[in-house]
Each structure stands twice: as C-alpha cells, then as structure tokens.
Amino acid sequence: MTIRAVIWDFGGVFTTSPFEAFNRYEAEAGLPRDFIRTVNATNPEANAWARFESAQIGPADFDTAFAEDSRALGHEVRGADVLPLIAGDLRPGMVRALQAVKAQFKTGLITNNFAPSEGGLPQSGSASPKQSQMREIMAQFDHVIESSKVGVRKPDPRIYAMMCEALTVSPAECVFLDDLGINLKPAKAMGMATVKVLNERQALDELAAITGLTFS
C-alpha cells in the first residue's frame, strides 16, 4: 500500500540520543556502563520512568521512585540527577527532512515525555533557545501525541492507533521512525514500515528508500 503518512519520535530522532549523556554520567559516577538504560528497561510498564511519562507521578515522586528502582539493581541514582541528561542536540538534517516530508505526506509525532511543568517543554516565556527550537519543530506536525498528556506511552499499541485515527490513515500507509526497537515492534506488527534511527544519515537513507524522496 502507498505510504501516506510519516510518523516520528522526537528524542533520539530529531535530537541526539540521551544514551550518550547517560553514559557520560555513568562514567563520572563510577557506575556500570548502560546502568541507567538497564533501570529504565526493568519492569518497563510500571517502573518510575513509565509512571512519570504517563503522568501517574510527579517529579518529586519520580526522584524517589527512580532511586528505589536503581537501588534494587545495585546502585542508587536519584531521578533528579537523570532528568537533566535527557535533552540532546538538534539534528539539522532531520529538521530539513521534515520540511521535505511535509510537502508530500501527512506528518505525526509520538513522543514519550513529561508534563511541561515537570521536566518537559516549559509553558512560560522563559524557555531556553534549545527548548524554543524544540517547540517550533513540534508545531510543524499535523498531529502530536505526548504521553504526558494522553496517559499512554510507547510501546503501548493504543498510542499508534490513536495517531492513525488522528491522521485518518491505516497503519499500512505509515512509516514510523524511532531510536528504540521496543517502540518499533508494535508499529511493525500493526503493519507500519519502520526505521530504527541509529544516526542521521542512516535514518534518512532508509526513509528515502521507503518514501521515494531525496534528502541532502
């Protein structure tokens, strides 16, 4: 079936992966490499990270809950120390690609994030230049689904179905880009074409092959 919509993740796609910042923090703190990722991947439907992204707990509870989750795995890390590590650097090639895609296809954004007052994009005029850029990019999509607003997060299949309904397309008419395989699996099972973003050039080459577009 012909592709009619391109759906994107934000962090790790339009920005560099937070995993790089996690690894720097781990090295500085004397923690095992990828420890924070291990904490996030343990009990992924009910751990501190999952509950925070689906707005079940606030930042103070997340700080404590993440410390508990990490302590159970051998090293205590406060949630408040992890949150500043999330934001990456923008990938300009991805932003240019979005403009090219918008001229031909419907566009959607599905992002697991936190409520604006709890570590996500701020609502006031005090946003940093990076945060302002992120908001400007998010405003360009035909439809945006944020886990913190809908109470559902990837990889729950419902969030992909919500996007298809909003864009009035079938899964088979979509391609979905994300940097995490666990988030791509449900989309692929529903019939979407998928691109696992490892780096900007690789992702754009794969997206070009699926859509027929050319990205510089």
Protein backbone atom coordinates (compact mmCIF):
# COMPACT_ATOMS: atom_id res chain seq x y z
CA MET A 1 0.00 0.00 0.00
CA THR A 2 1.17 3.53 -0.75
CA ILE A 3 2.71 5.50 2.11
CA ARG A 4 0.55 8.47 3.08
CA ALA A 5 1.99 9.45 6.48
CA VAL A 6 5.37 9.68 8.17
CA ILE A 7 5.32 9.42 11.97
CA TRP A 8 8.30 10.39 14.08
CA ASP A 9 9.65 10.05 17.59
CA PHE A 10 11.41 13.17 18.92
CA GLY A 11 14.26 12.38 21.33
CA GLY A 12 16.93 10.29 19.62
CA VAL A 13 15.48 11.18 16.21
CA PHE A 14 15.37 14.97 15.94
CA THR A 15 17.94 15.16 18.72
CA THR A 16 20.97 13.08 19.55
CA SER A 17 20.35 10.14 21.83
CA PRO A 18 20.20 10.76 25.60
CA PHE A 19 22.04 7.47 25.99
CA GLU A 20 25.28 9.33 25.25
CA ALA A 21 24.64 11.65 28.21
CA PHE A 22 23.67 8.66 30.35
CA ASN A 23 27.00 7.00 29.58
CA ARG A 24 28.96 10.16 30.43
CA TYR A 25 27.14 10.42 33.77
CA GLU A 26 27.79 6.73 34.49
CA ALA A 27 31.50 7.10 33.78
CA GLU A 28 31.76 10.16 36.03
CA ALA A 29 29.78 8.49 38.83
CA GLY A 30 31.63 5.17 38.62
CA LEU A 31 28.51 3.28 37.54
CA PRO A 32 28.43 0.33 35.12
CA ARG A 33 28.00 1.42 31.52
CA ASP A 34 24.34 1.44 30.43
CA PHE A 35 23.16 1.14 34.03
CA ILE A 36 20.51 3.85 33.61
CA ARG A 37 19.18 2.11 30.50
CA THR A 38 19.00 -1.12 32.49
CA VAL A 39 16.95 0.61 35.18
CA ASN A 40 14.59 2.00 32.52
CA ALA A 41 14.23 -1.41 30.87
CA THR A 42 13.48 -3.30 34.09
CA ASN A 43 9.75 -3.66 34.75
CA PRO A 44 9.14 -1.25 31.84
CA GLU A 45 5.37 -0.99 32.24
CA ALA A 46 5.37 0.01 35.91
CA ASN A 47 8.79 1.41 36.80
CA ALA A 48 9.42 5.03 37.77
CA TRP A 49 10.14 6.09 34.21
CA ALA A 50 6.94 4.57 32.84
CA ARG A 51 4.79 6.14 35.54
CA PHE A 52 6.38 9.57 35.09
CA GLU A 53 5.96 9.58 31.30
CA SER A 54 2.30 8.63 31.64
CA ALA A 55 1.71 11.37 34.25
CA GLN A 56 0.95 8.94 37.07
CA ILE A 57 3.57 10.54 39.34
CA GLY A 58 5.18 13.97 39.60
CA PRO A 59 8.86 14.97 39.72
CA ALA A 60 9.30 14.55 43.48
CA ASP A 61 7.86 11.04 43.40
CA PHE A 62 9.92 10.24 40.31
CA ASP A 63 13.08 11.30 42.12
CA THR A 64 12.34 8.87 44.93
CA ALA A 65 10.93 6.07 42.77
CA PHE A 66 13.89 6.08 40.38
CA ALA A 67 16.25 5.93 43.37
CA GLU A 68 14.34 2.88 44.60
CA ASP A 69 14.40 1.19 41.19
CA SER A 70 18.10 1.79 40.74
CA ARG A 71 18.98 0.79 44.31
CA ALA A 72 17.24 -2.54 43.73
CA LEU A 73 19.67 -3.13 40.87
CA GLY A 74 22.73 -2.36 42.98
CA HIS A 75 23.42 1.39 42.64
CA GLU A 76 21.25 4.27 43.83
CA VAL A 77 20.70 7.08 41.31
CA ARG A 78 18.31 9.92 42.07
CA GLY A 79 15.69 10.69 39.45
CA ALA A 80 16.52 14.38 39.78
CA ASP A 81 20.04 13.60 38.54
CA VAL A 82 18.75 11.77 35.48
CA LEU A 83 16.28 14.34 34.13
CA PRO A 84 18.88 16.96 33.07
CA LEU A 85 20.57 14.29 30.91
CA ILE A 86 17.60 13.76 28.61
CA ALA A 87 17.77 16.69 26.20
CA GLY A 88 20.14 16.12 23.27
CA ASP A 89 21.41 18.35 20.48
CA LEU A 90 19.20 19.02 17.46
CA ARG A 91 19.97 17.19 14.22
CA PRO A 92 19.55 19.81 11.46
CA GLY A 93 19.30 17.21 8.71
CA MET A 94 16.23 15.70 10.36
CA VAL A 95 14.60 19.13 10.61
CA ARG A 96 15.21 19.73 6.89
CA ALA A 97 13.85 16.28 6.12
CA LEU A 98 10.64 17.08 7.99
CA GLN A 99 10.09 20.04 5.68
CA ALA A 100 10.53 17.87 2.61
CA VAL A 101 8.23 15.19 4.00
CA LYS A 102 5.52 17.71 4.87
CA ALA A 103 5.26 18.71 1.21
CA GLN A 104 4.26 15.17 0.22
CA PHE A 105 2.89 13.32 3.26
CA LYS A 106 0.89 13.74 6.43
CA THR A 107 3.12 14.02 9.48
CA GLY A 108 2.74 12.91 13.08
CA LEU A 109 4.84 12.97 16.23
CA ILE A 110 4.56 10.38 19.03
CA THR A 111 6.76 11.22 21.98
CA ASN A 112 7.13 9.79 25.46
CA ASN A 113 7.70 12.88 27.58
CA PHE A 114 6.94 14.60 30.87
CA ALA A 115 4.34 17.24 31.69
CA PRO A 116 5.66 20.75 30.84
CA SER A 117 5.95 21.78 34.48
CA GLU A 118 7.69 18.51 35.32
CA GLY A 119 10.77 18.45 33.14
CA GLY A 120 9.29 18.71 29.64
CA LEU A 121 8.92 21.78 27.46
CA PRO A 122 8.06 24.81 29.58
CA GLN A 123 4.84 26.73 29.10
CA SER A 124 6.18 30.13 30.12
CA GLY A 125 8.25 32.55 28.07
CA SER A 126 11.40 31.50 29.92
CA ALA A 127 12.28 28.69 27.53
CA SER A 128 15.93 28.24 26.62
CA PRO A 129 16.94 28.62 22.94
CA LYS A 130 17.09 24.81 22.63
CA GLN A 131 13.64 24.39 24.15
CA SER A 132 12.23 27.09 21.89
CA GLN A 133 13.64 25.28 18.86
CA MET A 134 12.03 22.05 20.01
CA ARG A 135 8.66 23.72 20.41
CA GLU A 136 8.95 25.24 16.94
CA ILE A 137 9.63 21.81 15.45
CA MET A 138 6.74 20.20 17.32
CA ALA A 139 4.39 22.89 15.98
CA GLN A 140 5.11 21.80 12.41
CA PHE A 141 3.46 18.37 12.64
CA ASP A 142 -0.10 17.72 11.51
CA HIS A 143 -0.72 15.96 14.82
CA VAL A 144 1.29 15.47 18.04
CA ILE A 145 0.69 12.86 20.73
CA GLU A 146 2.55 13.33 24.02
CA SER A 147 2.45 10.53 26.56
CA SER A 148 2.25 13.01 29.42
CA LYS A 149 -1.00 14.42 28.01
CA VAL A 150 -2.80 11.24 26.93
CA GLY A 151 -1.67 8.95 29.75
CA VAL A 152 -0.46 6.29 27.31
CA ARG A 153 3.15 5.75 26.27
CA LYS A 154 5.06 3.81 23.66
CA PRO A 155 5.22 0.86 23.17
CA ASP A 156 1.52 0.56 24.05
CA PRO A 157 -0.19 -0.20 20.70
CA ARG A 158 -3.02 2.18 21.59
CA ILE A 159 -0.82 5.21 21.05
CA TYR A 160 -0.08 4.20 17.44
CA ALA A 161 -3.75 3.54 16.80
CA MET A 162 -4.55 6.99 18.17
CA MET A 163 -2.18 8.57 15.67
CA CYS A 164 -3.60 6.63 12.74
CA GLU A 165 -7.09 7.74 13.70
CA ALA A 166 -5.99 11.37 14.01
CA LEU A 167 -4.30 11.33 10.60
CA THR A 168 -7.11 9.23 9.02
CA VAL A 169 -4.68 6.64 7.67
CA SER A 170 -4.27 2.91 8.11
CA PRO A 171 -1.08 1.51 9.72
CA ALA A 172 -0.06 0.07 6.36
CA GLU A 173 0.01 3.61 4.96
CA CYS A 174 2.54 4.80 7.57
CA VAL A 175 6.26 4.75 8.20
CA PHE A 176 7.42 5.24 11.78
CA LEU A 177 10.88 6.40 12.92
CA ASP A 178 12.15 5.76 16.45
CA ASP A 179 15.53 5.12 18.02
CA LEU A 180 14.29 2.24 20.21
CA GLY A 181 13.49 -1.17 18.81
CA ILE A 182 10.98 -1.84 21.59
CA ASN A 183 8.91 1.09 20.31
CA LEU A 184 9.13 -0.03 16.69
CA LYS A 185 7.93 -3.60 17.25
CA PRO A 186 4.23 -2.79 17.90
CA ALA A 187 4.15 -0.38 14.96
CA LYS A 188 5.61 -3.03 12.67
CA ALA A 189 3.17 -5.64 13.99
CA MET A 190 0.31 -3.29 13.10
CA GLY A 191 1.59 -3.06 9.52
CA MET A 192 3.70 0.11 9.56
CA ALA A 193 7.02 0.38 7.79
CA THR A 194 9.67 1.20 10.40
CA VAL A 195 13.06 2.89 10.57
CA LYS A 196 15.30 2.38 13.59
CA VAL A 197 17.31 5.58 13.92
CA LEU A 198 20.94 4.80 14.64
CA ASN A 199 22.29 8.04 13.19
CA GLU A 200 21.02 10.84 10.98
CA ARG A 201 22.45 9.70 7.64
CA GLN A 202 21.39 6.07 8.03
CA ALA A 203 17.85 7.05 9.03
CA LEU A 204 17.41 9.48 6.15
CA ASP A 205 18.71 6.95 3.64
CA GLU A 206 16.18 4.37 4.86
CA LEU A 207 13.37 6.92 4.88
CA ALA A 208 14.29 7.95 1.34
CA ALA A 209 14.11 4.34 0.18
CA ILE A 210 10.60 3.97 1.64
CA THR A 211 9.16 7.32 0.54
CA GLY A 212 10.98 7.94 -2.73
CA LEU A 213 12.16 11.34 -1.51
CA THR A 214 15.75 12.60 -1.62
CA PHE A 215 17.35 14.11 1.48
CA SER A 216 20.59 16.09 1.40
